[in-house]
Amino acid sequence: MTELTFEESKARLDEIADAVASPDIDLDEALSLYEEAVKISLHACDVSEADVMEFQAVEEPPQEGVEYALVADGSETEDEPE
């Protein structure tokens, strides 16, 4: 399978869903599309997990001795230790 992005995977899965919803589709074609959808879904999960792991690796770890507080907008600010 060609390496698809998450967005490309979702777009193809939407196309497959539309195709199998058609009353004109035969059983062999529906099964073939189902197999493709399973492969694409597994690939999309792998891509999504890799993106999460990459994001977590990039985040800066908390600094020792610095307290963090949530502000009204949900972001964090650094407070000086007392």
N, C-alpha and C. Protein backbone atom coordinates (compact mmCIF):
# COMPACT_ATOMS: atom_id res chain seq x y z
N MET A 1 0.85 -1.18 0.00
CA MET A 1 0.00 0.00 0.00
C MET A 1 0.89 1.24 0.00
N THR A 2 0.50 2.21 -0.77
CA THR A 2 1.20 3.49 -0.79
C THR A 2 1.01 4.16 0.57
N GLU A 3 2.05 4.83 1.04
CA GLU A 3 1.95 5.51 2.32
C GLU A 3 0.99 6.69 2.20
N LEU A 4 -0.14 6.59 2.84
CA LEU A 4 -1.15 7.64 2.82
C LEU A 4 -1.05 8.45 4.10
N THR A 5 -1.38 9.72 4.01
CA THR A 5 -1.51 10.53 5.21
C THR A 5 -2.82 10.14 5.89
N PHE A 6 -3.00 10.62 7.11
CA PHE A 6 -4.25 10.34 7.82
C PHE A 6 -5.44 10.90 7.03
N GLU A 7 -5.29 12.12 6.51
CA GLU A 7 -6.38 12.76 5.78
C GLU A 7 -6.70 12.00 4.49
N GLU A 8 -5.67 11.53 3.79
CA GLU A 8 -5.89 10.74 2.56
C GLU A 8 -6.57 9.42 2.90
N SER A 9 -6.19 8.82 4.01
CA SER A 9 -6.82 7.57 4.44
C SER A 9 -8.30 7.79 4.72
N LYS A 10 -8.61 8.87 5.44
CA LYS A 10 -10.01 9.16 5.75
C LYS A 10 -10.81 9.41 4.47
N ALA A 11 -10.22 10.15 3.54
CA ALA A 11 -10.92 10.42 2.28
C ALA A 11 -11.22 9.13 1.53
N ARG A 12 -10.25 8.22 1.48
CA ARG A 12 -10.47 6.95 0.77
C ARG A 12 -11.52 6.11 1.50
N LEU A 13 -11.49 6.11 2.83
CA LEU A 13 -12.50 5.37 3.58
C LEU A 13 -13.89 5.93 3.33
N ASP A 14 -14.01 7.23 3.20
CA ASP A 14 -15.31 7.84 2.86
C ASP A 14 -15.77 7.39 1.48
N GLU A 15 -14.84 7.32 0.52
CA GLU A 15 -15.18 6.84 -0.83
C GLU A 15 -15.66 5.39 -0.78
N ILE A 16 -14.97 4.57 0.00
CA ILE A 16 -15.35 3.16 0.12
C ILE A 16 -16.73 3.04 0.75
N ALA A 17 -16.99 3.82 1.80
CA ALA A 17 -18.31 3.78 2.45
C ALA A 17 -19.42 4.14 1.47
N ASP A 18 -19.18 5.14 0.64
CA ASP A 18 -20.18 5.52 -0.37
C ASP A 18 -20.37 4.40 -1.38
N ALA A 19 -19.28 3.76 -1.79
CA ALA A 19 -19.36 2.70 -2.80
C ALA A 19 -20.13 1.49 -2.29
N VAL A 20 -19.86 1.08 -1.05
CA VAL A 20 -20.55 -0.12 -0.54
C VAL A 20 -22.01 0.18 -0.18
N ALA A 21 -22.35 1.45 -0.04
CA ALA A 21 -23.75 1.81 0.23
C ALA A 21 -24.60 1.75 -1.04
N SER A 22 -23.96 1.66 -2.19
CA SER A 22 -24.68 1.61 -3.46
C SER A 22 -25.41 0.28 -3.61
N PRO A 23 -26.66 0.31 -4.04
CA PRO A 23 -27.40 -0.94 -4.25
C PRO A 23 -26.89 -1.73 -5.46
N ASP A 24 -26.09 -1.08 -6.31
CA ASP A 24 -25.61 -1.74 -7.52
C ASP A 24 -24.32 -2.53 -7.33
N ILE A 25 -23.72 -2.50 -6.14
CA ILE A 25 -22.44 -3.16 -5.92
C ILE A 25 -22.64 -4.67 -5.78
N ASP A 26 -21.73 -5.45 -6.40
CA ASP A 26 -21.84 -6.90 -6.25
C ASP A 26 -21.03 -7.35 -5.03
N LEU A 27 -21.27 -8.56 -4.60
CA LEU A 27 -20.67 -9.07 -3.37
C LEU A 27 -19.15 -9.11 -3.44
N ASP A 28 -18.58 -9.57 -4.56
CA ASP A 28 -17.12 -9.65 -4.69
C ASP A 28 -16.47 -8.27 -4.55
N GLU A 29 -17.06 -7.28 -5.19
CA GLU A 29 -16.51 -5.92 -5.11
C GLU A 29 -16.65 -5.38 -3.68
N ALA A 30 -17.78 -5.65 -3.03
CA ALA A 30 -17.99 -5.19 -1.66
C ALA A 30 -16.96 -5.82 -0.72
N LEU A 31 -16.68 -7.11 -0.89
CA LEU A 31 -15.68 -7.78 -0.05
C LEU A 31 -14.28 -7.22 -0.30
N SER A 32 -13.98 -6.96 -1.55
CA SER A 32 -12.68 -6.39 -1.90
C SER A 32 -12.51 -5.01 -1.26
N LEU A 33 -13.56 -4.19 -1.34
CA LEU A 33 -13.51 -2.87 -0.73
C LEU A 33 -13.41 -2.96 0.79
N TYR A 34 -14.09 -3.95 1.38
CA TYR A 34 -14.02 -4.16 2.82
C TYR A 34 -12.59 -4.47 3.24
N GLU A 35 -11.93 -5.36 2.50
CA GLU A 35 -10.53 -5.71 2.81
C GLU A 35 -9.63 -4.48 2.70
N GLU A 36 -9.84 -3.67 1.67
CA GLU A 36 -9.06 -2.45 1.51
C GLU A 36 -9.31 -1.50 2.68
N ALA A 37 -10.56 -1.38 3.09
CA ALA A 37 -10.92 -0.48 4.20
C ALA A 37 -10.24 -0.92 5.50
N VAL A 38 -10.17 -2.22 5.74
CA VAL A 38 -9.51 -2.71 6.95
C VAL A 38 -8.03 -2.33 6.93
N LYS A 39 -7.37 -2.54 5.80
CA LYS A 39 -5.94 -2.20 5.69
C LYS A 39 -5.72 -0.70 5.88
N ILE A 40 -6.56 0.11 5.25
CA ILE A 40 -6.43 1.56 5.37
C ILE A 40 -6.69 2.00 6.81
N SER A 41 -7.68 1.41 7.46
CA SER A 41 -7.99 1.77 8.84
C SER A 41 -6.82 1.47 9.77
N LEU A 42 -6.21 0.31 9.61
CA LEU A 42 -5.05 -0.05 10.43
C LEU A 42 -3.89 0.91 10.18
N HIS A 43 -3.69 1.26 8.92
CA HIS A 43 -2.63 2.22 8.57
C HIS A 43 -2.92 3.58 9.19
N ALA A 44 -4.17 4.04 9.13
CA ALA A 44 -4.54 5.33 9.71
C ALA A 44 -4.30 5.35 11.21
N CYS A 45 -4.58 4.24 11.89
CA CYS A 45 -4.31 4.15 13.32
C CYS A 45 -2.82 4.27 13.59
N ASP A 46 -2.00 3.58 12.80
CA ASP A 46 -0.54 3.66 12.96
C ASP A 46 -0.05 5.08 12.76
N VAL A 47 -0.55 5.75 11.72
CA VAL A 47 -0.14 7.13 11.44
C VAL A 47 -0.54 8.04 12.60
N SER A 48 -1.76 7.87 13.09
CA SER A 48 -2.25 8.69 14.20
C SER A 48 -1.40 8.47 15.46
N GLU A 49 -1.10 7.22 15.79
CA GLU A 49 -0.27 6.92 16.96
C GLU A 49 1.13 7.50 16.81
N ALA A 50 1.69 7.42 15.62
CA ALA A 50 3.03 7.97 15.38
C ALA A 50 3.02 9.49 15.56
N ASP A 51 1.96 10.14 15.10
CA ASP A 51 1.85 11.59 15.27
C ASP A 51 1.76 11.97 16.75
N VAL A 52 1.01 11.20 17.52
CA VAL A 52 0.88 11.47 18.96
C VAL A 52 2.22 11.29 19.65
N MET A 53 2.92 10.22 19.32
CA MET A 53 4.22 9.96 19.95
C MET A 53 5.23 11.05 19.58
N GLU A 54 5.19 11.49 18.34
CA GLU A 54 6.09 12.56 17.89
C GLU A 54 5.77 13.86 18.64
N PHE A 55 4.49 14.15 18.79
CA PHE A 55 4.08 15.36 19.51
C PHE A 55 4.54 15.31 20.96
N GLN A 56 4.37 14.16 21.60
CA GLN A 56 4.77 14.02 23.00
C GLN A 56 6.28 14.14 23.15
N ALA A 57 7.04 13.68 22.20
CA ALA A 57 8.50 13.74 22.27
C ALA A 57 8.99 15.17 22.12
N VAL A 58 8.25 16.00 21.40
CA VAL A 58 8.66 17.38 21.14
C VAL A 58 8.35 18.28 22.33
N GLU A 59 7.30 17.96 23.07
CA GLU A 59 6.93 18.80 24.20
C GLU A 59 8.07 18.88 25.21
N GLU A 60 8.23 20.04 25.77
CA GLU A 60 9.28 20.27 26.76
C GLU A 60 8.87 19.67 28.10
N PRO A 61 9.75 18.89 28.74
CA PRO A 61 9.39 18.34 30.04
C PRO A 61 9.34 19.45 31.10
N PRO A 62 8.54 19.26 32.14
CA PRO A 62 8.46 20.28 33.19
C PRO A 62 9.82 20.50 33.85
N GLN A 63 10.10 21.74 34.21
CA GLN A 63 11.36 22.07 34.86
C GLN A 63 11.24 21.85 36.36
N GLU A 64 12.29 21.37 36.96
CA GLU A 64 12.31 21.14 38.39
C GLU A 64 12.25 22.48 39.12
N GLY A 65 11.46 22.56 40.19
CA GLY A 65 11.38 23.78 40.97
C GLY A 65 10.43 24.81 40.42
N VAL A 66 9.80 24.54 39.30
CA VAL A 66 8.85 25.48 38.71
C VAL A 66 7.46 24.88 38.84
N GLU A 67 6.56 25.67 39.42
CA GLU A 67 5.18 25.22 39.55
C GLU A 67 4.39 25.72 38.35
N TYR A 68 3.47 24.91 37.87
CA TYR A 68 2.65 25.27 36.73
C TYR A 68 1.21 25.45 37.18
N ALA A 69 0.57 26.46 36.63
CA ALA A 69 -0.83 26.73 36.95
C ALA A 69 -1.62 26.89 35.66
N LEU A 70 -2.84 26.38 35.66
CA LEU A 70 -3.71 26.55 34.50
C LEU A 70 -4.35 27.92 34.59
N VAL A 71 -4.39 28.62 33.47
CA VAL A 71 -5.06 29.91 33.41
C VAL A 71 -6.43 29.71 32.77
N ALA A 72 -7.21 30.76 32.73
CA ALA A 72 -8.61 30.66 32.29
C ALA A 72 -8.76 30.05 30.90
N ASP A 73 -7.80 30.27 30.00
CA ASP A 73 -7.95 29.74 28.65
C ASP A 73 -7.46 28.30 28.53
N GLY A 74 -7.05 27.68 29.62
CA GLY A 74 -6.62 26.28 29.61
C GLY A 74 -5.14 26.10 29.39
N SER A 75 -4.40 27.18 29.13
CA SER A 75 -2.96 27.04 28.93
C SER A 75 -2.25 27.07 30.28
N GLU A 76 -0.96 26.75 30.27
CA GLU A 76 -0.20 26.74 31.51
C GLU A 76 0.68 27.97 31.60
N THR A 77 0.89 28.44 32.83
CA THR A 77 1.86 29.50 33.08
C THR A 77 2.82 29.04 34.15
N GLU A 78 3.99 29.61 34.15
CA GLU A 78 4.97 29.26 35.17
C GLU A 78 4.81 30.21 36.34
N ASP A 79 4.77 29.65 37.56
CA ASP A 79 4.75 30.44 38.77
C ASP A 79 6.09 30.27 39.46
N GLU A 80 6.60 31.36 39.98
CA GLU A 80 7.85 31.30 40.72
C GLU A 80 7.60 30.58 42.04
N PRO A 81 8.49 29.66 42.45
CA PRO A 81 8.30 29.00 43.74
C PRO A 81 8.42 30.00 44.88
N GLU A 82 7.63 29.79 45.90
CA GLU A 82 7.65 30.71 47.05
C GLU A 82 8.72 30.36 48.03
